[in-house]
Amino acid sequence: MPDATSPQAAYPAHKLNDEPAAQGHHDLHEHEGYDVMISLALNLDRLKPETFPITPESKVITVYGGDYRGLIYGAIALAESLGNGTPLTEITIADLPLKDAIAHLFKKH
């Protein structure tokens, strides 16, 4: 989990505030009673720098970053999808610009 106090983690979280609000959603700052949770997480061990898989599962959309830049890119990609009119509650993998990122998401061991 990224350090919420770092500017590198705060920036992608900030990028994701406007579009859900434009769709009538508000930030609960709680982990219960939500329609959809957007989670931001670093995965430094399995992802290459600057990659950003976005995984919508049930009521949780997780943006993973291979580093903080990847987390920012993923947050921007998700915000753009929302800005293009996809409702937050209807985000699917098909709505997200992952086609180019899929080929290089995982590091070789």
N, C-alpha and C. Protein backbone atom coordinates (compact mmCIF):
# COMPACT_ATOMS: atom_id res chain seq x y z
N MET A 1 0.85 -1.18 0.00
CA MET A 1 0.00 0.00 0.00
C MET A 1 0.89 1.24 0.00
N PRO A 2 0.65 2.19 -0.90
CA PRO A 2 1.47 3.38 -0.90
C PRO A 2 1.27 4.21 0.36
N ASP A 3 2.29 4.96 0.70
CA ASP A 3 2.23 5.85 1.85
C ASP A 3 1.31 7.02 1.52
N ALA A 4 0.16 7.08 2.16
CA ALA A 4 -0.84 8.10 1.86
C ALA A 4 -0.36 9.52 2.14
N THR A 5 0.70 9.66 2.91
CA THR A 5 1.20 11.00 3.23
C THR A 5 2.20 11.49 2.19
N SER A 6 2.65 10.62 1.28
CA SER A 6 3.64 11.05 0.30
C SER A 6 2.96 11.78 -0.86
N PRO A 7 3.61 12.80 -1.41
CA PRO A 7 3.03 13.51 -2.56
C PRO A 7 2.80 12.59 -3.75
N GLN A 8 3.67 11.58 -3.91
CA GLN A 8 3.54 10.66 -5.03
C GLN A 8 2.26 9.83 -4.93
N ALA A 9 1.80 9.54 -3.73
CA ALA A 9 0.55 8.79 -3.55
C ALA A 9 -0.65 9.73 -3.52
N ALA A 10 -0.48 10.93 -3.01
CA ALA A 10 -1.59 11.88 -2.92
C ALA A 10 -2.02 12.35 -4.30
N TYR A 11 -1.08 12.51 -5.23
CA TYR A 11 -1.41 13.02 -6.55
C TYR A 11 -2.38 12.11 -7.30
N PRO A 12 -2.11 10.79 -7.41
CA PRO A 12 -3.10 9.96 -8.12
C PRO A 12 -4.45 9.90 -7.41
N ALA A 13 -4.45 9.94 -6.11
CA ALA A 13 -5.73 9.96 -5.38
C ALA A 13 -6.50 11.23 -5.73
N HIS A 14 -5.79 12.34 -5.81
CA HIS A 14 -6.43 13.61 -6.18
C HIS A 14 -6.98 13.56 -7.61
N LYS A 15 -6.26 12.92 -8.53
CA LYS A 15 -6.71 12.82 -9.92
C LYS A 15 -8.03 12.06 -10.02
N LEU A 16 -8.29 11.19 -9.07
CA LEU A 16 -9.51 10.38 -9.11
C LEU A 16 -10.69 10.99 -8.36
N ASN A 17 -10.53 12.16 -7.80
CA ASN A 17 -11.64 12.76 -7.04
C ASN A 17 -12.68 13.42 -7.93
N ASP A 18 -12.27 14.08 -9.00
CA ASP A 18 -13.19 14.90 -9.77
C ASP A 18 -14.22 14.10 -10.57
N GLU A 19 -13.78 13.07 -11.29
CA GLU A 19 -14.70 12.36 -12.17
C GLU A 19 -15.81 11.61 -11.41
N PRO A 20 -15.50 10.86 -10.36
CA PRO A 20 -16.61 10.25 -9.61
C PRO A 20 -17.57 11.30 -9.04
N ALA A 21 -17.03 12.43 -8.59
CA ALA A 21 -17.88 13.50 -8.05
C ALA A 21 -18.80 14.05 -9.14
N ALA A 22 -18.29 14.15 -10.36
CA ALA A 22 -19.10 14.63 -11.48
C ALA A 22 -20.24 13.67 -11.78
N GLN A 23 -20.08 12.40 -11.41
CA GLN A 23 -21.12 11.39 -11.63
C GLN A 23 -22.05 11.25 -10.41
N GLY A 24 -21.86 12.13 -9.41
CA GLY A 24 -22.74 12.11 -8.24
C GLY A 24 -22.25 11.27 -7.08
N HIS A 25 -21.03 10.74 -7.17
CA HIS A 25 -20.46 9.97 -6.08
C HIS A 25 -19.69 10.90 -5.14
N HIS A 26 -19.59 10.53 -3.90
CA HIS A 26 -18.78 11.31 -2.97
C HIS A 26 -17.88 10.36 -2.18
N ASP A 27 -16.79 10.92 -1.69
CA ASP A 27 -15.79 10.14 -0.97
C ASP A 27 -16.26 9.94 0.47
N LEU A 28 -16.40 8.68 0.88
CA LEU A 28 -16.87 8.37 2.23
C LEU A 28 -15.76 8.38 3.27
N HIS A 29 -14.52 8.19 2.84
CA HIS A 29 -13.38 8.08 3.76
C HIS A 29 -13.58 6.92 4.74
N GLU A 30 -14.40 5.95 4.37
CA GLU A 30 -14.67 4.79 5.22
C GLU A 30 -14.64 3.54 4.35
N HIS A 31 -14.53 2.39 4.97
CA HIS A 31 -14.50 1.13 4.23
C HIS A 31 -15.80 0.35 4.34
N GLU A 32 -16.90 1.04 4.56
CA GLU A 32 -18.20 0.35 4.61
C GLU A 32 -19.27 1.28 4.05
N GLY A 33 -20.31 0.68 3.51
CA GLY A 33 -21.42 1.46 2.97
C GLY A 33 -21.14 2.09 1.62
N TYR A 34 -20.15 1.63 0.90
CA TYR A 34 -19.80 2.23 -0.39
C TYR A 34 -20.44 1.46 -1.54
N ASP A 35 -20.62 2.16 -2.66
CA ASP A 35 -21.07 1.51 -3.89
C ASP A 35 -19.88 0.91 -4.63
N VAL A 36 -18.81 1.69 -4.71
CA VAL A 36 -17.58 1.26 -5.38
C VAL A 36 -16.40 1.82 -4.60
N MET A 37 -15.38 0.99 -4.40
CA MET A 37 -14.15 1.46 -3.76
C MET A 37 -13.06 1.49 -4.82
N ILE A 38 -12.33 2.59 -4.89
CA ILE A 38 -11.15 2.68 -5.74
C ILE A 38 -9.94 2.55 -4.83
N SER A 39 -9.15 1.53 -5.11
CA SER A 39 -7.97 1.25 -4.30
C SER A 39 -6.72 1.52 -5.13
N LEU A 40 -5.74 2.18 -4.53
CA LEU A 40 -4.44 2.44 -5.18
C LEU A 40 -3.38 1.65 -4.44
N ALA A 41 -2.58 0.89 -5.18
CA ALA A 41 -1.58 0.04 -4.54
C ALA A 41 -0.32 -0.07 -5.40
N LEU A 42 0.81 -0.12 -4.74
CA LEU A 42 2.08 -0.38 -5.42
C LEU A 42 2.35 -1.87 -5.41
N ASN A 43 2.93 -2.37 -6.50
CA ASN A 43 3.37 -3.76 -6.56
C ASN A 43 4.77 -3.75 -7.17
N LEU A 44 5.73 -3.35 -6.37
CA LEU A 44 7.11 -3.17 -6.83
C LEU A 44 7.78 -4.49 -7.19
N ASP A 45 7.35 -5.58 -6.58
CA ASP A 45 7.98 -6.87 -6.82
C ASP A 45 7.56 -7.54 -8.12
N ARG A 46 6.33 -7.32 -8.56
CA ARG A 46 5.82 -8.06 -9.71
C ARG A 46 5.65 -7.22 -10.97
N LEU A 47 5.65 -5.90 -10.83
CA LEU A 47 5.39 -5.04 -11.98
C LEU A 47 6.62 -4.24 -12.37
N LYS A 48 6.72 -3.97 -13.65
CA LYS A 48 7.80 -3.11 -14.14
C LYS A 48 7.47 -1.66 -13.83
N PRO A 49 8.48 -0.80 -13.73
CA PRO A 49 8.23 0.62 -13.52
C PRO A 49 7.31 1.18 -14.62
N GLU A 50 6.46 2.09 -14.22
CA GLU A 50 5.53 2.82 -15.08
C GLU A 50 4.36 2.00 -15.60
N THR A 51 4.24 0.72 -15.22
CA THR A 51 3.08 -0.06 -15.64
C THR A 51 1.94 0.14 -14.65
N PHE A 52 0.72 -0.11 -15.11
CA PHE A 52 -0.44 0.18 -14.26
C PHE A 52 -1.63 -0.71 -14.59
N PRO A 53 -1.62 -1.96 -14.24
CA PRO A 53 -2.85 -2.72 -14.44
C PRO A 53 -3.97 -2.17 -13.56
N ILE A 54 -5.15 -2.14 -14.13
CA ILE A 54 -6.34 -1.69 -13.41
C ILE A 54 -7.29 -2.87 -13.36
N THR A 55 -7.68 -3.26 -12.16
CA THR A 55 -8.46 -4.48 -11.98
C THR A 55 -9.80 -4.18 -11.33
N PRO A 56 -10.88 -4.17 -12.14
CA PRO A 56 -12.21 -4.04 -11.54
C PRO A 56 -12.73 -5.41 -11.13
N GLU A 57 -13.05 -5.56 -9.84
CA GLU A 57 -13.60 -6.82 -9.33
C GLU A 57 -14.74 -6.48 -8.38
N SER A 58 -15.93 -6.87 -8.77
CA SER A 58 -17.11 -6.64 -7.96
C SER A 58 -17.23 -5.15 -7.64
N LYS A 59 -17.15 -4.79 -6.38
CA LYS A 59 -17.31 -3.39 -5.96
C LYS A 59 -15.98 -2.68 -5.70
N VAL A 60 -14.88 -3.29 -6.14
CA VAL A 60 -13.56 -2.69 -5.91
C VAL A 60 -12.82 -2.56 -7.23
N ILE A 61 -12.33 -1.37 -7.52
CA ILE A 61 -11.48 -1.13 -8.67
C ILE A 61 -10.10 -0.83 -8.12
N THR A 62 -9.12 -1.69 -8.44
CA THR A 62 -7.77 -1.49 -7.93
C THR A 62 -6.86 -1.03 -9.05
N VAL A 63 -6.16 0.07 -8.80
CA VAL A 63 -5.13 0.56 -9.70
C VAL A 63 -3.80 0.16 -9.07
N TYR A 64 -3.06 -0.71 -9.75
CA TYR A 64 -1.74 -1.12 -9.28
C TYR A 64 -0.69 -0.36 -10.06
N GLY A 65 0.34 0.07 -9.37
CA GLY A 65 1.45 0.73 -10.05
C GLY A 65 2.73 -0.03 -9.83
N GLY A 66 3.53 -0.16 -10.90
CA GLY A 66 4.85 -0.76 -10.77
C GLY A 66 5.80 0.16 -10.02
N ASP A 67 5.45 1.43 -9.97
CA ASP A 67 6.13 2.45 -9.18
C ASP A 67 5.13 3.61 -9.06
N TYR A 68 5.55 4.73 -8.47
CA TYR A 68 4.61 5.83 -8.31
C TYR A 68 4.17 6.42 -9.65
N ARG A 69 5.06 6.43 -10.64
CA ARG A 69 4.66 6.93 -11.97
C ARG A 69 3.55 6.03 -12.53
N GLY A 70 3.70 4.72 -12.41
CA GLY A 70 2.67 3.81 -12.89
C GLY A 70 1.35 4.04 -12.17
N LEU A 71 1.42 4.31 -10.88
CA LEU A 71 0.21 4.59 -10.11
C LEU A 71 -0.48 5.85 -10.63
N ILE A 72 0.32 6.87 -10.93
CA ILE A 72 -0.22 8.11 -11.48
C ILE A 72 -0.83 7.86 -12.86
N TYR A 73 -0.11 7.15 -13.73
CA TYR A 73 -0.63 6.87 -15.07
C TYR A 73 -1.95 6.07 -14.99
N GLY A 74 -2.00 5.10 -14.09
CA GLY A 74 -3.21 4.31 -13.93
C GLY A 74 -4.38 5.14 -13.44
N ALA A 75 -4.12 6.03 -12.49
CA ALA A 75 -5.17 6.91 -11.97
C ALA A 75 -5.69 7.83 -13.07
N ILE A 76 -4.78 8.35 -13.88
CA ILE A 76 -5.18 9.21 -14.99
C ILE A 76 -6.00 8.43 -16.01
N ALA A 77 -5.58 7.20 -16.31
CA ALA A 77 -6.32 6.37 -17.27
C ALA A 77 -7.73 6.08 -16.78
N LEU A 78 -7.86 5.75 -15.50
CA LEU A 78 -9.18 5.48 -14.93
C LEU A 78 -10.03 6.75 -14.94
N ALA A 79 -9.43 7.89 -14.57
CA ALA A 79 -10.16 9.17 -14.58
C ALA A 79 -10.63 9.51 -15.99
N GLU A 80 -9.79 9.23 -17.00
CA GLU A 80 -10.18 9.50 -18.39
C GLU A 80 -11.36 8.62 -18.81
N SER A 81 -11.34 7.36 -18.40
CA SER A 81 -12.46 6.47 -18.73
C SER A 81 -13.75 6.99 -18.11
N LEU A 82 -13.66 7.44 -16.88
CA LEU A 82 -14.83 8.01 -16.21
C LEU A 82 -15.26 9.31 -16.90
N GLY A 83 -14.27 10.12 -17.27
CA GLY A 83 -14.56 11.38 -17.95
C GLY A 83 -15.19 11.19 -19.32
N ASN A 84 -14.94 10.04 -19.94
CA ASN A 84 -15.54 9.73 -21.23
C ASN A 84 -16.96 9.20 -21.09
N GLY A 85 -17.47 9.15 -19.86
CA GLY A 85 -18.87 8.81 -19.65
C GLY A 85 -19.15 7.44 -19.09
N THR A 86 -18.13 6.62 -18.87
CA THR A 86 -18.37 5.30 -18.29
C THR A 86 -18.72 5.48 -16.81
N PRO A 87 -19.89 5.04 -16.38
CA PRO A 87 -20.25 5.18 -14.97
C PRO A 87 -19.29 4.38 -14.07
N LEU A 88 -18.98 4.94 -12.93
CA LEU A 88 -18.07 4.30 -11.98
C LEU A 88 -18.52 2.89 -11.64
N THR A 89 -19.82 2.70 -11.48
CA THR A 89 -20.34 1.39 -11.10
C THR A 89 -20.34 0.38 -12.25
N GLU A 90 -20.00 0.86 -13.48
CA GLU A 90 -20.01 -0.03 -14.64
C GLU A 90 -18.64 -0.19 -15.29
N ILE A 91 -17.59 0.24 -14.64
CA ILE A 91 -16.23 0.09 -15.19
C ILE A 91 -15.93 -1.39 -15.35
N THR A 92 -15.48 -1.76 -16.52
CA THR A 92 -15.02 -3.13 -16.77
C THR A 92 -13.64 -3.06 -17.38
N ILE A 93 -12.98 -4.18 -17.49
CA ILE A 93 -11.65 -4.22 -18.07
C ILE A 93 -11.67 -3.69 -19.51
N ALA A 94 -12.77 -3.88 -20.22
CA ALA A 94 -12.88 -3.43 -21.60
C ALA A 94 -12.90 -1.90 -21.71
N ASP A 95 -13.27 -1.21 -20.64
CA ASP A 95 -13.35 0.25 -20.66
C ASP A 95 -11.98 0.90 -20.46
N LEU A 96 -10.99 0.11 -20.11
CA LEU A 96 -9.72 0.68 -19.69
C LEU A 96 -8.64 0.49 -20.75
N PRO A 97 -7.73 1.45 -20.86
CA PRO A 97 -6.69 1.40 -21.89
C PRO A 97 -5.53 0.51 -21.48
N LEU A 98 -5.79 -0.80 -21.39
CA LEU A 98 -4.76 -1.72 -20.92
C LEU A 98 -4.07 -2.49 -22.04
N LYS A 99 -4.60 -2.42 -23.23
CA LYS A 99 -4.12 -3.24 -24.32
C LYS A 99 -2.59 -3.17 -24.46
N ASP A 100 -2.01 -1.99 -24.40
CA ASP A 100 -0.57 -1.84 -24.57
C ASP A 100 0.22 -2.22 -23.33
N ALA A 101 -0.42 -2.18 -22.16
CA ALA A 101 0.30 -2.48 -20.92
C ALA A 101 0.35 -3.97 -20.61
N ILE A 102 -0.59 -4.73 -21.13
CA ILE A 102 -0.70 -6.15 -20.79
C ILE A 102 0.59 -6.91 -21.09
N ALA A 103 1.24 -6.61 -22.19
CA ALA A 103 2.41 -7.37 -22.63
C ALA A 103 3.61 -7.26 -21.68
N HIS A 104 3.66 -6.23 -20.88
CA HIS A 104 4.83 -6.04 -20.02
C HIS A 104 4.48 -5.72 -18.58
N LEU A 105 3.47 -6.35 -18.07
CA LEU A 105 3.07 -6.08 -16.70
C LEU A 105 3.97 -6.75 -15.67
N PHE A 106 4.40 -7.97 -15.93
CA PHE A 106 5.12 -8.73 -14.92
C PHE A 106 6.59 -8.85 -15.25
N LYS A 107 7.41 -8.77 -14.24
CA LYS A 107 8.85 -8.96 -14.39
C LYS A 107 9.16 -10.43 -14.53
N LYS A 108 10.20 -10.73 -15.28
CA LYS A 108 10.68 -12.11 -15.33
C LYS A 108 11.54 -12.37 -14.13
N HIS A 109 11.48 -13.58 -13.61
CA HIS A 109 12.29 -13.93 -12.44
C HIS A 109 13.47 -14.72 -12.86
